[in-house]
Amino acid sequence: MTRSDFVAGWVWNIRGNPRVRLRMPAGWFDGLAREITDRAELDDARDAICETVDVFDYGECAVHLRGLPTRAKIKDLHRYWFDTGRPLVIELRDAPR
């Protein structure tokens, strides 16, 4: 078994029942989760996740990597996670429940 063969339990759960409920600042949202398989959508998701850095990412980087967090370290960390993980998208319904 290789690292890419590993699938976390929550991924199996989503595969079995893709209905999810997320709590966000605007309220609770129902949605459908799915793995991203389309190459163009995967590239768009990778850019959105890996090429964007916000203030919270510096704390995340400090927890996972040694030394001072930098934009380059954050982007590298996110690329690693994206490339070795299971990218998912959650399509939310229009209004919070």
C-alpha atoms as a PDB file:
ATOM      1  CA  MET A   1       0.000   0.000   0.000  1.00  0.00           C
ATOM      2  CA  THR A   2       1.384   3.403  -0.949  1.00  0.00           C
ATOM      3  CA  ARG A   3       0.681   6.757   0.619  1.00  0.00           C
ATOM      4  CA  SER A   4      -1.653   7.633  -2.273  1.00  0.00           C
ATOM      5  CA  ASP A   5      -3.698   4.475  -1.530  1.00  0.00           C
ATOM      6  CA  PHE A   6      -4.549   5.713   1.969  1.00  0.00           C
ATOM      7  CA  VAL A   7      -8.005   7.233   2.315  1.00  0.00           C
ATOM      8  CA  ALA A   8      -9.137   8.744   5.603  1.00  0.00           C
ATOM      9  CA  GLY A   9     -12.362   7.550   7.195  1.00  0.00           C
ATOM     10  CA  TRP A  10     -14.133  10.841   6.573  1.00  0.00           C
ATOM     11  CA  VAL A  11     -13.490  10.442   2.815  1.00  0.00           C
ATOM     12  CA  TRP A  12     -15.130   7.008   2.912  1.00  0.00           C
ATOM     13  CA  ASN A  13     -18.044   8.561   4.795  1.00  0.00           C
ATOM     14  CA  ILE A  14     -18.449  11.266   2.139  1.00  0.00           C
ATOM     15  CA  ARG A  15     -18.268   8.668  -0.607  1.00  0.00           C
ATOM     16  CA  GLY A  16     -21.040   6.730   1.133  1.00  0.00           C
ATOM     17  CA  ASN A  17     -23.204   9.764   1.902  1.00  0.00           C
ATOM     18  CA  PRO A  18     -22.108  13.041   0.274  1.00  0.00           C
ATOM     19  CA  ARG A  19     -24.667  15.159   2.158  1.00  0.00           C
ATOM     20  CA  VAL A  20     -22.829  17.438   4.577  1.00  0.00           C
ATOM     21  CA  ARG A  21     -23.682  20.281   6.898  1.00  0.00           C
ATOM     22  CA  LEU A  22     -21.211  23.108   7.502  1.00  0.00           C
ATOM     23  CA  ARG A  23     -21.235  25.771  10.168  1.00  0.00           C
ATOM     24  CA  MET A  24     -19.978  29.098   8.854  1.00  0.00           C
ATOM     25  CA  PRO A  25     -20.223  32.660  10.214  1.00  0.00           C
ATOM     26  CA  ALA A  26     -23.472  33.237   8.262  1.00  0.00           C
ATOM     27  CA  GLY A  27     -25.087  30.110   9.740  1.00  0.00           C
ATOM     28  CA  TRP A  28     -25.461  26.419   8.966  1.00  0.00           C
ATOM     29  CA  PHE A  29     -25.338  25.330   5.326  1.00  0.00           C
ATOM     30  CA  ASP A  30     -26.365  22.052   3.717  1.00  0.00           C
ATOM     31  CA  GLY A  31     -24.325  20.848   0.792  1.00  0.00           C
ATOM     32  CA  LEU A  32     -23.017  17.969  -1.272  1.00  0.00           C
ATOM     33  CA  ALA A  33     -19.368  16.934  -1.060  1.00  0.00           C
ATOM     34  CA  ARG A  34     -17.509  15.265  -3.891  1.00  0.00           C
ATOM     35  CA  GLU A  35     -13.976  14.461  -4.896  1.00  0.00           C
ATOM     36  CA  ILE A  36     -12.585  16.634  -7.660  1.00  0.00           C
ATOM     37  CA  THR A  37     -11.798  14.512 -10.725  1.00  0.00           C
ATOM     38  CA  ASP A  38     -12.006  16.970 -13.634  1.00  0.00           C
ATOM     39  CA  ARG A  39      -8.486  18.179 -14.553  1.00  0.00           C
ATOM     40  CA  ALA A  40      -9.524  21.808 -15.193  1.00  0.00           C
ATOM     41  CA  GLU A  41     -11.478  21.972 -11.929  1.00  0.00           C
ATOM     42  CA  LEU A  42      -8.559  20.362 -10.096  1.00  0.00           C
ATOM     43  CA  ASP A  43      -6.158  22.982 -11.523  1.00  0.00           C
ATOM     44  CA  ASP A  44      -8.519  25.808 -10.497  1.00  0.00           C
ATOM     45  CA  ALA A  45      -8.837  24.371  -6.981  1.00  0.00           C
ATOM     46  CA  ARG A  46      -5.059  23.953  -6.672  1.00  0.00           C
ATOM     47  CA  ASP A  47      -4.517  27.582  -7.659  1.00  0.00           C
ATOM     48  CA  ALA A  48      -7.185  28.809  -5.229  1.00  0.00           C
ATOM     49  CA  ILE A  49      -5.815  26.772  -2.313  1.00  0.00           C
ATOM     50  CA  CYS A  50      -2.087  26.862  -2.964  1.00  0.00           C
ATOM     51  CA  GLU A  51      -1.472  30.290  -4.463  1.00  0.00           C
ATOM     52  CA  THR A  52      -3.543  32.314  -1.977  1.00  0.00           C
ATOM     53  CA  VAL A  53      -2.084  33.278   1.392  1.00  0.00           C
ATOM     54  CA  ASP A  54      -4.022  34.980   4.172  1.00  0.00           C
ATOM     55  CA  VAL A  55      -3.159  36.013   7.711  1.00  0.00           C
ATOM     56  CA  PHE A  56      -4.376  32.741   9.298  1.00  0.00           C
ATOM     57  CA  ASP A  57      -1.984  30.731   7.123  1.00  0.00           C
ATOM     58  CA  TYR A  58       1.005  32.152   8.994  1.00  0.00           C
ATOM     59  CA  GLY A  59      -0.149  30.551  12.251  1.00  0.00           C
ATOM     60  CA  GLU A  60      -0.870  27.283  10.446  1.00  0.00           C
ATOM     61  CA  CYS A  61       2.626  27.333   8.966  1.00  0.00           C
ATOM     62  CA  ALA A  62       4.202  28.042  12.369  1.00  0.00           C
ATOM     63  CA  VAL A  63       2.516  24.940  13.781  1.00  0.00           C
ATOM     64  CA  HIS A  64       3.647  22.629  10.968  1.00  0.00           C
ATOM     65  CA  LEU A  65       7.074  23.936   9.899  1.00  0.00           C
ATOM     66  CA  ARG A  66      10.215  25.155  11.636  1.00  0.00           C
ATOM     67  CA  GLY A  67      11.383  28.741  11.499  1.00  0.00           C
ATOM     68  CA  LEU A  68       9.491  31.895  10.693  1.00  0.00           C
ATOM     69  CA  PRO A  69       6.509  31.484   8.385  1.00  0.00           C
ATOM     70  CA  THR A  70       6.904  32.984   4.919  1.00  0.00           C
ATOM     71  CA  ARG A  71       4.624  33.210   1.885  1.00  0.00           C
ATOM     72  CA  ALA A  72       6.883  30.721   0.073  1.00  0.00           C
ATOM     73  CA  LYS A  73       6.754  28.198   2.954  1.00  0.00           C
ATOM     74  CA  ILE A  74       2.965  28.518   3.189  1.00  0.00           C
ATOM     75  CA  LYS A  75       2.513  27.953  -0.546  1.00  0.00           C
ATOM     76  CA  ASP A  76       4.865  24.950  -0.472  1.00  0.00           C
ATOM     77  CA  LEU A  77       2.994  23.472   2.515  1.00  0.00           C
ATOM     78  CA  HIS A  78      -0.382  23.897   0.809  1.00  0.00           C
ATOM     79  CA  ARG A  79       0.938  22.422  -2.453  1.00  0.00           C
ATOM     80  CA  TYR A  80       2.241  19.397  -0.554  1.00  0.00           C
ATOM     81  CA  TRP A  81      -1.096  18.857   1.193  1.00  0.00           C
ATOM     82  CA  PHE A  82      -3.059  19.343  -2.019  1.00  0.00           C
ATOM     83  CA  ASP A  83      -0.831  17.034  -4.077  1.00  0.00           C
ATOM     84  CA  THR A  84      -0.744  14.245  -1.478  1.00  0.00           C
ATOM     85  CA  GLY A  85      -4.347  14.555  -0.302  1.00  0.00           C
ATOM     86  CA  ARG A  86      -7.840  13.982  -1.648  1.00  0.00           C
ATOM     87  CA  PRO A  87      -9.148  17.305  -2.958  1.00  0.00           C
ATOM     88  CA  LEU A  88     -12.854  17.723  -2.276  1.00  0.00           C
ATOM     89  CA  VAL A  89     -15.389  20.384  -3.117  1.00  0.00           C
ATOM     90  CA  ILE A  90     -18.584  21.087  -1.230  1.00  0.00           C
ATOM     91  CA  GLU A  91     -21.421  22.571  -3.249  1.00  0.00           C
ATOM     92  CA  LEU A  92     -23.528  24.618  -0.848  1.00  0.00           C
ATOM     93  CA  ARG A  93     -27.221  25.356  -1.081  1.00  0.00           C
ATOM     94  CA  ASP A  94     -28.262  28.987  -1.397  1.00  0.00           C
ATOM     95  CA  ALA A  95     -29.476  29.821   2.107  1.00  0.00           C
ATOM     96  CA  PRO A  96     -28.303  28.834   5.593  1.00  0.00           C
ATOM     97  CA  ARG A  97     -30.543  26.425   7.481  1.00  0.00           C
END
